[in-house]
Amino acid sequence: MRRIAKAINFGIIYGMGPQTLSEQLGIGLSMAKDYIAAYYSRYQGVARYRDAAIAAAREKGYVTTLFQRRRYLPDIEHKNRMIRAESERMAINTPIQGTAADLIKKAMIRIHERLGRKNSSPDCFSRSTTNFFSRFWKRNFLKSARLSKRKWKAFTAWMCLSKWT
């Protein structure tokens, strides 16, 4: 069930058509079309966001994160459908994933600054797409975990209040 939900959510958001969806899920083409229609009926904001992101990229030639970091998309008007589709996926993804990366980077910098002022030093910070880890000396672990939780709560609250939800 999780595999199906992921295929539908991420596939449809990034422009997967019924043919590819039916192949990935091993279902008939008409059922895949029904899934896509039901998805857009239920989550109308997704289609509005997708269309607005692609239109803005075509107009400006780039997209931005909420912190105004730009990603230029020179192939957004490319004649080759496959190349153009890749730029369209970047136009959809960058404002979301790029903003998340910006927020995580800002949180990591602030946590490092806070711990530095308290005469504590982390031995490493690392980031992955879906997780934010911080590993500290044993004496700093609980303090750093509380800071990280507070930053994460602020991020999730912001996402809930953003205009795209």
N, C-alpha and C. Protein backbone atom coordinates (compact mmCIF):
# COMPACT_ATOMS: atom_id res chain seq x y z
N MET A 1 0.82 -1.20 0.00
CA MET A 1 0.00 0.00 0.00
C MET A 1 0.86 1.26 0.00
N ARG A 2 1.95 1.25 0.78
CA ARG A 2 2.83 2.41 0.85
C ARG A 2 3.47 2.66 -0.52
N ARG A 3 3.88 1.59 -1.20
CA ARG A 3 4.51 1.71 -2.51
C ARG A 3 3.54 2.35 -3.50
N ILE A 4 2.28 1.96 -3.44
CA ILE A 4 1.26 2.52 -4.33
C ILE A 4 1.06 3.99 -4.03
N ALA A 5 0.95 4.32 -2.73
CA ALA A 5 0.75 5.72 -2.34
C ALA A 5 1.91 6.59 -2.78
N LYS A 6 3.14 6.11 -2.61
CA LYS A 6 4.31 6.88 -3.04
C LYS A 6 4.32 7.07 -4.55
N ALA A 7 4.02 6.00 -5.28
CA ALA A 7 4.01 6.10 -6.75
C ALA A 7 2.98 7.12 -7.21
N ILE A 8 1.82 7.09 -6.58
CA ILE A 8 0.77 8.03 -6.96
C ILE A 8 1.15 9.45 -6.56
N ASN A 9 1.52 9.66 -5.30
CA ASN A 9 1.84 11.00 -4.83
C ASN A 9 2.98 11.64 -5.61
N PHE A 10 4.13 10.99 -5.62
CA PHE A 10 5.30 11.60 -6.24
C PHE A 10 5.21 11.55 -7.76
N GLY A 11 4.70 10.47 -8.29
CA GLY A 11 4.59 10.35 -9.74
C GLY A 11 3.68 11.39 -10.34
N ILE A 12 2.51 11.53 -9.77
CA ILE A 12 1.54 12.49 -10.32
C ILE A 12 2.02 13.92 -10.14
N ILE A 13 2.56 14.22 -8.98
CA ILE A 13 3.06 15.58 -8.73
C ILE A 13 4.09 15.97 -9.79
N TYR A 14 4.95 15.03 -10.16
CA TYR A 14 6.01 15.35 -11.12
C TYR A 14 5.64 15.03 -12.56
N GLY A 15 4.35 14.85 -12.81
CA GLY A 15 3.89 14.76 -14.18
C GLY A 15 3.82 13.38 -14.79
N MET A 16 3.84 12.34 -13.97
CA MET A 16 3.71 10.99 -14.50
C MET A 16 2.34 10.81 -15.14
N GLY A 17 2.32 10.23 -16.31
CA GLY A 17 1.06 9.99 -16.99
C GLY A 17 0.47 8.63 -16.64
N PRO A 18 -0.72 8.37 -17.14
CA PRO A 18 -1.39 7.10 -16.82
C PRO A 18 -0.64 5.87 -17.32
N GLN A 19 0.03 5.97 -18.46
CA GLN A 19 0.77 4.82 -19.00
C GLN A 19 1.87 4.39 -18.03
N THR A 20 2.69 5.34 -17.60
CA THR A 20 3.79 5.02 -16.68
C THR A 20 3.25 4.55 -15.34
N LEU A 21 2.21 5.22 -14.84
CA LEU A 21 1.62 4.82 -13.56
C LEU A 21 1.08 3.39 -13.64
N SER A 22 0.41 3.04 -14.72
CA SER A 22 -0.13 1.69 -14.86
C SER A 22 1.00 0.66 -14.91
N GLU A 23 2.11 1.00 -15.55
CA GLU A 23 3.25 0.08 -15.62
C GLU A 23 3.90 -0.08 -14.25
N GLN A 24 4.09 1.02 -13.53
CA GLN A 24 4.73 0.95 -12.22
C GLN A 24 3.90 0.18 -11.20
N LEU A 25 2.60 0.33 -11.28
CA LEU A 25 1.74 -0.31 -10.29
C LEU A 25 1.19 -1.66 -10.75
N GLY A 26 1.40 -1.97 -12.01
CA GLY A 26 0.88 -3.22 -12.54
C GLY A 26 -0.65 -3.24 -12.59
N ILE A 27 -1.23 -2.11 -12.99
CA ILE A 27 -2.69 -1.99 -13.08
C ILE A 27 -3.06 -1.60 -14.51
N GLY A 28 -4.31 -1.67 -14.81
CA GLY A 28 -4.78 -1.29 -16.14
C GLY A 28 -4.70 0.20 -16.37
N LEU A 29 -4.66 0.57 -17.64
CA LEU A 29 -4.57 1.98 -18.02
C LEU A 29 -5.78 2.77 -17.53
N SER A 30 -6.97 2.20 -17.63
CA SER A 30 -8.17 2.93 -17.19
C SER A 30 -8.15 3.15 -15.67
N MET A 31 -7.64 2.19 -14.91
CA MET A 31 -7.54 2.37 -13.46
C MET A 31 -6.52 3.46 -13.13
N ALA A 32 -5.41 3.49 -13.86
CA ALA A 32 -4.40 4.53 -13.65
C ALA A 32 -4.98 5.91 -13.94
N LYS A 33 -5.77 6.00 -15.02
CA LYS A 33 -6.43 7.27 -15.34
C LYS A 33 -7.39 7.68 -14.22
N ASP A 34 -8.11 6.71 -13.68
CA ASP A 34 -9.03 6.98 -12.57
C ASP A 34 -8.28 7.47 -11.33
N TYR A 35 -7.13 6.84 -11.03
CA TYR A 35 -6.31 7.26 -9.88
C TYR A 35 -5.88 8.72 -10.05
N ILE A 36 -5.41 9.05 -11.23
CA ILE A 36 -4.92 10.41 -11.49
C ILE A 36 -6.07 11.42 -11.39
N ALA A 37 -7.20 11.09 -11.98
CA ALA A 37 -8.36 12.00 -11.92
C ALA A 37 -8.83 12.18 -10.47
N ALA A 38 -8.87 11.09 -9.72
CA ALA A 38 -9.30 11.17 -8.32
C ALA A 38 -8.30 11.99 -7.49
N TYR A 39 -7.02 11.83 -7.79
CA TYR A 39 -5.98 12.57 -7.06
C TYR A 39 -6.16 14.07 -7.28
N TYR A 40 -6.27 14.47 -8.54
CA TYR A 40 -6.42 15.90 -8.83
C TYR A 40 -7.76 16.45 -8.36
N SER A 41 -8.77 15.63 -8.30
CA SER A 41 -10.06 16.07 -7.77
C SER A 41 -9.96 16.32 -6.27
N ARG A 42 -9.27 15.43 -5.59
CA ARG A 42 -9.14 15.53 -4.13
C ARG A 42 -8.13 16.60 -3.72
N TYR A 43 -7.02 16.71 -4.45
CA TYR A 43 -5.93 17.64 -4.12
C TYR A 43 -5.77 18.67 -5.22
N GLN A 44 -6.74 19.55 -5.35
CA GLN A 44 -6.73 20.53 -6.43
C GLN A 44 -5.59 21.52 -6.33
N GLY A 45 -5.12 21.78 -5.13
CA GLY A 45 -4.00 22.70 -4.93
C GLY A 45 -2.71 22.19 -5.56
N VAL A 46 -2.56 20.88 -5.68
CA VAL A 46 -1.36 20.32 -6.29
C VAL A 46 -1.27 20.73 -7.76
N ALA A 47 -2.36 20.60 -8.47
CA ALA A 47 -2.37 20.99 -9.89
C ALA A 47 -2.13 22.50 -10.04
N ARG A 48 -2.76 23.28 -9.16
CA ARG A 48 -2.55 24.74 -9.22
C ARG A 48 -1.09 25.08 -8.97
N TYR A 49 -0.49 24.45 -7.95
CA TYR A 49 0.92 24.70 -7.65
C TYR A 49 1.80 24.31 -8.83
N ARG A 50 1.59 23.10 -9.36
CA ARG A 50 2.39 22.59 -10.48
C ARG A 50 2.32 23.55 -11.66
N ASP A 51 1.11 23.94 -12.03
CA ASP A 51 0.94 24.82 -13.18
C ASP A 51 1.57 26.19 -12.94
N ALA A 52 1.40 26.73 -11.74
CA ALA A 52 1.98 28.04 -11.41
C ALA A 52 3.51 27.98 -11.40
N ALA A 53 4.07 26.91 -10.86
CA ALA A 53 5.53 26.78 -10.81
C ALA A 53 6.12 26.71 -12.21
N ILE A 54 5.50 25.93 -13.08
CA ILE A 54 5.99 25.80 -14.45
C ILE A 54 5.82 27.12 -15.21
N ALA A 55 4.69 27.78 -15.04
CA ALA A 55 4.46 29.06 -15.72
C ALA A 55 5.47 30.11 -15.27
N ALA A 56 5.74 30.17 -13.97
CA ALA A 56 6.72 31.13 -13.45
C ALA A 56 8.11 30.84 -14.00
N ALA A 57 8.46 29.57 -14.09
CA ALA A 57 9.78 29.20 -14.64
C ALA A 57 9.88 29.60 -16.10
N ARG A 58 8.82 29.41 -16.84
CA ARG A 58 8.84 29.79 -18.26
C ARG A 58 8.96 31.31 -18.42
N GLU A 59 8.27 32.04 -17.57
CA GLU A 59 8.28 33.50 -17.64
C GLU A 59 9.64 34.07 -17.26
N LYS A 60 10.24 33.56 -16.19
CA LYS A 60 11.49 34.13 -15.66
C LYS A 60 12.74 33.40 -16.13
N GLY A 61 12.60 32.12 -16.44
CA GLY A 61 13.78 31.32 -16.78
C GLY A 61 14.43 30.70 -15.55
N TYR A 62 13.82 30.87 -14.40
CA TYR A 62 14.34 30.31 -13.16
C TYR A 62 13.22 30.18 -12.16
N VAL A 63 13.49 29.44 -11.09
CA VAL A 63 12.59 29.37 -9.94
C VAL A 63 13.40 29.71 -8.71
N THR A 64 12.71 30.05 -7.62
CA THR A 64 13.41 30.40 -6.39
C THR A 64 12.86 29.62 -5.21
N THR A 65 13.72 29.51 -4.20
CA THR A 65 13.26 28.98 -2.93
C THR A 65 12.61 30.15 -2.19
N LEU A 66 11.99 29.88 -1.05
CA LEU A 66 11.40 30.97 -0.27
C LEU A 66 12.44 31.93 0.28
N PHE A 67 13.71 31.51 0.24
CA PHE A 67 14.80 32.39 0.68
C PHE A 67 15.48 33.06 -0.51
N GLN A 68 14.82 33.00 -1.67
CA GLN A 68 15.24 33.67 -2.90
C GLN A 68 16.49 33.10 -3.54
N ARG A 69 16.87 31.89 -3.19
CA ARG A 69 17.96 31.22 -3.90
C ARG A 69 17.40 30.75 -5.25
N ARG A 70 18.12 31.05 -6.32
CA ARG A 70 17.62 30.77 -7.66
C ARG A 70 18.19 29.49 -8.25
N ARG A 71 17.35 28.84 -9.06
CA ARG A 71 17.81 27.74 -9.90
C ARG A 71 17.37 28.09 -11.32
N TYR A 72 18.36 28.29 -12.18
CA TYR A 72 18.07 28.64 -13.56
C TYR A 72 17.71 27.38 -14.35
N LEU A 73 16.73 27.52 -15.22
CA LEU A 73 16.23 26.39 -16.01
C LEU A 73 16.27 26.76 -17.50
N PRO A 74 17.44 26.69 -18.11
CA PRO A 74 17.57 27.11 -19.50
C PRO A 74 16.80 26.23 -20.49
N ASP A 75 16.43 25.01 -20.07
CA ASP A 75 15.73 24.10 -20.98
C ASP A 75 14.23 24.05 -20.77
N ILE A 76 13.67 25.02 -20.05
CA ILE A 76 12.24 25.01 -19.75
C ILE A 76 11.39 25.16 -21.00
N GLU A 77 11.94 25.71 -22.08
CA GLU A 77 11.22 25.88 -23.35
C GLU A 77 11.80 24.99 -24.45
N HIS A 78 12.59 24.01 -24.08
CA HIS A 78 13.27 23.16 -25.06
C HIS A 78 12.28 22.45 -25.98
N LYS A 79 12.66 22.26 -27.23
CA LYS A 79 11.78 21.60 -28.20
C LYS A 79 11.65 20.11 -27.93
N ASN A 80 12.70 19.52 -27.36
CA ASN A 80 12.66 18.09 -27.03
C ASN A 80 11.80 17.91 -25.78
N ARG A 81 10.73 17.14 -25.91
CA ARG A 81 9.76 16.95 -24.82
C ARG A 81 10.40 16.39 -23.56
N MET A 82 11.32 15.44 -23.70
CA MET A 82 11.96 14.82 -22.54
C MET A 82 12.83 15.82 -21.77
N ILE A 83 13.57 16.61 -22.49
CA ILE A 83 14.44 17.61 -21.86
C ILE A 83 13.58 18.68 -21.19
N ARG A 84 12.54 19.13 -21.87
CA ARG A 84 11.62 20.12 -21.30
C ARG A 84 10.94 19.58 -20.05
N ALA A 85 10.51 18.32 -20.08
CA ALA A 85 9.83 17.71 -18.94
C ALA A 85 10.74 17.66 -17.71
N GLU A 86 12.03 17.40 -17.93
CA GLU A 86 12.99 17.38 -16.81
C GLU A 86 13.07 18.77 -16.17
N SER A 87 13.12 19.82 -16.98
CA SER A 87 13.14 21.18 -16.44
C SER A 87 11.84 21.51 -15.70
N GLU A 88 10.73 21.01 -16.22
CA GLU A 88 9.45 21.24 -15.55
C GLU A 88 9.44 20.56 -14.18
N ARG A 89 9.99 19.35 -14.09
CA ARG A 89 10.07 18.67 -12.79
C ARG A 89 10.95 19.46 -11.82
N MET A 90 12.04 20.03 -12.33
CA MET A 90 12.91 20.86 -11.50
C MET A 90 12.17 22.12 -11.04
N ALA A 91 11.35 22.68 -11.92
CA ALA A 91 10.57 23.87 -11.56
C ALA A 91 9.59 23.57 -10.44
N ILE A 92 9.05 22.38 -10.43
CA ILE A 92 8.11 21.97 -9.38
C ILE A 92 8.85 21.64 -8.10
N ASN A 93 9.94 20.92 -8.22
CA ASN A 93 10.66 20.40 -7.06
C ASN A 93 11.50 21.44 -6.33
N THR A 94 12.20 22.28 -7.06
CA THR A 94 13.17 23.19 -6.44
C THR A 94 12.58 24.10 -5.37
N PRO A 95 11.45 24.75 -5.59
CA PRO A 95 10.94 25.60 -4.51
C PRO A 95 10.65 24.82 -3.21
N ILE A 96 10.26 23.57 -3.33
CA ILE A 96 9.94 22.77 -2.15
C ILE A 96 11.21 22.20 -1.52
N GLN A 97 11.93 21.39 -2.28
CA GLN A 97 13.13 20.75 -1.74
C GLN A 97 14.23 21.78 -1.47
N GLY A 98 14.34 22.78 -2.31
CA GLY A 98 15.35 23.81 -2.11
C GLY A 98 15.09 24.62 -0.85
N THR A 99 13.82 24.94 -0.60
CA THR A 99 13.46 25.65 0.63
C THR A 99 13.74 24.79 1.85
N ALA A 100 13.41 23.50 1.76
CA ALA A 100 13.71 22.59 2.87
C ALA A 100 15.21 22.55 3.14
N ALA A 101 16.02 22.48 2.08
CA ALA A 101 17.47 22.49 2.25
C ALA A 101 17.95 23.80 2.87
N ASP A 102 17.38 24.92 2.43
CA ASP A 102 17.74 26.22 3.00
C ASP A 102 17.43 26.26 4.50
N LEU A 103 16.24 25.78 4.86
CA LEU A 103 15.84 25.78 6.27
C LEU A 103 16.74 24.89 7.12
N ILE A 104 17.07 23.72 6.60
CA ILE A 104 17.95 22.82 7.34
C ILE A 104 19.33 23.44 7.51
N LYS A 105 19.82 24.07 6.46
CA LYS A 105 21.13 24.73 6.54
C LYS A 105 21.10 25.85 7.58
N LYS A 106 20.04 26.66 7.55
CA LYS A 106 19.93 27.74 8.54
C LYS A 106 19.84 27.17 9.96
N ALA A 107 19.07 26.10 10.13
CA ALA A 107 18.95 25.48 11.45
C ALA A 107 20.30 24.94 11.92
N MET A 108 21.03 24.30 11.03
CA MET A 108 22.34 23.76 11.39
C MET A 108 23.29 24.88 11.80
N ILE A 109 23.27 25.98 11.07
CA ILE A 109 24.14 27.12 11.40
C ILE A 109 23.75 27.69 12.76
N ARG A 110 22.46 27.87 13.00
CA ARG A 110 22.01 28.43 14.28
C ARG A 110 22.31 27.50 15.45
N ILE A 111 22.11 26.22 15.25
CA ILE A 111 22.44 25.27 16.31
C ILE A 111 23.92 25.32 16.61
N HIS A 112 24.73 25.34 15.57
CA HIS A 112 26.18 25.42 15.76
C HIS A 112 26.56 26.71 16.51
N GLU A 113 25.94 27.84 16.13
CA GLU A 113 26.22 29.10 16.81
C GLU A 113 25.81 29.04 18.27
N ARG A 114 24.61 28.50 18.55
CA ARG A 114 24.13 28.39 19.93
C ARG A 114 25.04 27.51 20.77
N LEU A 115 25.43 26.38 20.22
CA LEU A 115 26.30 25.48 20.98
C LEU A 115 27.67 26.09 21.16
N GLY A 116 28.14 26.83 20.15
CA GLY A 116 29.44 27.48 20.24
C GLY A 116 29.47 28.49 21.37
N ARG A 117 28.38 29.24 21.54
CA ARG A 117 28.30 30.24 22.61
C ARG A 117 28.27 29.57 23.98
N LYS A 118 27.80 28.35 24.03
CA LYS A 118 27.71 27.64 25.31
C LYS A 118 28.95 26.80 25.57
N ASN A 119 30.01 27.07 24.81
CA ASN A 119 31.26 26.36 24.96
C ASN A 119 31.11 24.87 24.68
N SER A 120 30.28 24.54 23.71
CA SER A 120 30.08 23.16 23.30
C SER A 120 30.48 23.05 21.84
N SER A 121 30.91 21.88 21.45
CA SER A 121 31.26 21.77 20.03
C SER A 121 30.74 20.46 19.44
N PRO A 122 30.00 20.56 18.36
CA PRO A 122 29.53 19.34 17.69
C PRO A 122 30.69 18.69 16.95
N ASP A 123 30.69 17.37 16.86
CA ASP A 123 31.77 16.76 16.08
C ASP A 123 31.40 16.60 14.62
N CYS A 124 30.11 16.66 14.29
CA CYS A 124 29.75 16.71 12.87
C CYS A 124 28.28 17.01 12.69
N PHE A 125 27.96 17.58 11.58
CA PHE A 125 26.58 17.79 11.14
C PHE A 125 26.48 17.13 9.77
N SER A 126 25.36 16.49 9.53
CA SER A 126 25.14 15.99 8.18
C SER A 126 23.68 16.13 7.83
N ARG A 127 23.39 16.14 6.53
CA ARG A 127 22.03 16.34 6.06
C ARG A 127 21.75 15.31 4.98
N SER A 128 20.55 14.77 5.00
CA SER A 128 20.11 13.95 3.88
C SER A 128 18.77 14.52 3.45
N THR A 129 18.22 14.00 2.36
CA THR A 129 16.99 14.55 1.82
C THR A 129 15.86 14.50 2.82
N THR A 130 15.71 13.43 3.54
CA THR A 130 14.55 13.28 4.40
C THR A 130 14.85 13.37 5.89
N ASN A 131 16.10 13.40 6.26
CA ASN A 131 16.43 13.40 7.69
C ASN A 131 17.45 14.47 8.03
N PHE A 132 17.37 14.93 9.24
CA PHE A 132 18.33 15.92 9.72
C PHE A 132 18.98 15.31 10.96
N PHE A 133 20.27 15.07 10.89
CA PHE A 133 20.96 14.42 11.99
C PHE A 133 21.97 15.39 12.58
N SER A 134 22.11 15.35 13.87
CA SER A 134 23.24 16.02 14.47
C SER A 134 23.83 15.09 15.52
N ARG A 135 25.14 14.95 15.50
CA ARG A 135 25.83 14.05 16.41
C ARG A 135 26.79 14.88 17.24
N PHE A 136 26.65 14.80 18.53
CA PHE A 136 27.44 15.64 19.42
C PHE A 136 28.17 14.79 20.45
N TRP A 137 29.10 15.43 21.11
CA TRP A 137 29.73 14.77 22.24
C TRP A 137 28.64 14.39 23.22
N LYS A 138 28.86 13.34 23.94
CA LYS A 138 27.83 12.80 24.83
C LYS A 138 27.29 13.87 25.79
N ARG A 139 28.14 14.72 26.30
CA ARG A 139 27.68 15.72 27.28
C ARG A 139 26.74 16.76 26.67
N ASN A 140 26.72 16.91 25.34
CA ASN A 140 25.87 17.90 24.69
C ASN A 140 24.63 17.30 24.03
N PHE A 141 24.49 15.99 24.08
CA PHE A 141 23.45 15.35 23.29
C PHE A 141 22.05 15.85 23.60
N LEU A 142 21.66 15.88 24.85
CA LEU A 142 20.29 16.28 25.18
C LEU A 142 20.02 17.74 24.82
N LYS A 143 20.97 18.61 25.07
CA LYS A 143 20.78 20.02 24.71
C LYS A 143 20.61 20.17 23.20
N SER A 144 21.43 19.48 22.43
CA SER A 144 21.36 19.61 20.98
C SER A 144 20.07 19.01 20.45
N ALA A 145 19.61 17.92 21.03
CA ALA A 145 18.36 17.31 20.58
C ALA A 145 17.19 18.26 20.82
N ARG A 146 17.17 18.95 21.95
CA ARG A 146 16.10 19.91 22.21
C ARG A 146 16.14 21.06 21.22
N LEU A 147 17.31 21.56 20.91
CA LEU A 147 17.41 22.63 19.92
C LEU A 147 16.92 22.14 18.56
N SER A 148 17.33 20.96 18.18
CA SER A 148 16.91 20.43 16.89
C SER A 148 15.40 20.25 16.84
N LYS A 149 14.81 19.75 17.90
CA LYS A 149 13.36 19.56 17.94
C LYS A 149 12.63 20.89 17.77
N ARG A 150 13.12 21.92 18.45
CA ARG A 150 12.47 23.23 18.37
C ARG A 150 12.54 23.77 16.94
N LYS A 151 13.70 23.65 16.30
CA LYS A 151 13.85 24.11 14.92
C LYS A 151 12.94 23.30 14.00
N TRP A 152 12.86 21.97 14.21
CA TRP A 152 12.02 21.13 13.37
C TRP A 152 10.56 21.50 13.55
N LYS A 153 10.12 21.76 14.79
CA LYS A 153 8.73 22.16 15.03
C LYS A 153 8.42 23.47 14.32
N ALA A 154 9.35 24.40 14.35
CA ALA A 154 9.14 25.68 13.67
C ALA A 154 9.01 25.46 12.17
N PHE A 155 9.85 24.60 11.61
CA PHE A 155 9.79 24.31 10.18
C PHE A 155 8.45 23.67 9.81
N THR A 156 8.01 22.67 10.56
CA THR A 156 6.76 22.00 10.22
C THR A 156 5.57 22.94 10.40
N ALA A 157 5.60 23.79 11.41
CA ALA A 157 4.52 24.77 11.59
C ALA A 157 4.48 25.72 10.40
N TRP A 158 5.64 26.16 9.96
CA TRP A 158 5.70 27.06 8.81
C TRP A 158 5.12 26.37 7.58
N MET A 159 5.47 25.09 7.35
CA MET A 159 4.96 24.36 6.20
C MET A 159 3.44 24.25 6.25
N CYS A 160 2.88 24.03 7.44
CA CYS A 160 1.43 23.91 7.58
C CYS A 160 0.72 25.22 7.26
N LEU A 161 1.40 26.33 7.51
CA LEU A 161 0.79 27.63 7.28
C LEU A 161 1.10 28.20 5.90
N SER A 162 1.95 27.52 5.15
CA SER A 162 2.34 28.08 3.87
C SER A 162 1.17 28.08 2.88
N LYS A 163 1.29 28.87 1.85
CA LYS A 163 0.18 29.05 0.92
C LYS A 163 -0.05 27.84 0.01
N TRP A 164 0.86 26.87 0.00
CA TRP A 164 0.73 25.74 -0.91
C TRP A 164 0.04 24.54 -0.28
N THR A 165 -0.32 24.62 0.99
CA THR A 165 -0.98 23.47 1.62
C THR A 165 -2.46 23.58 1.50
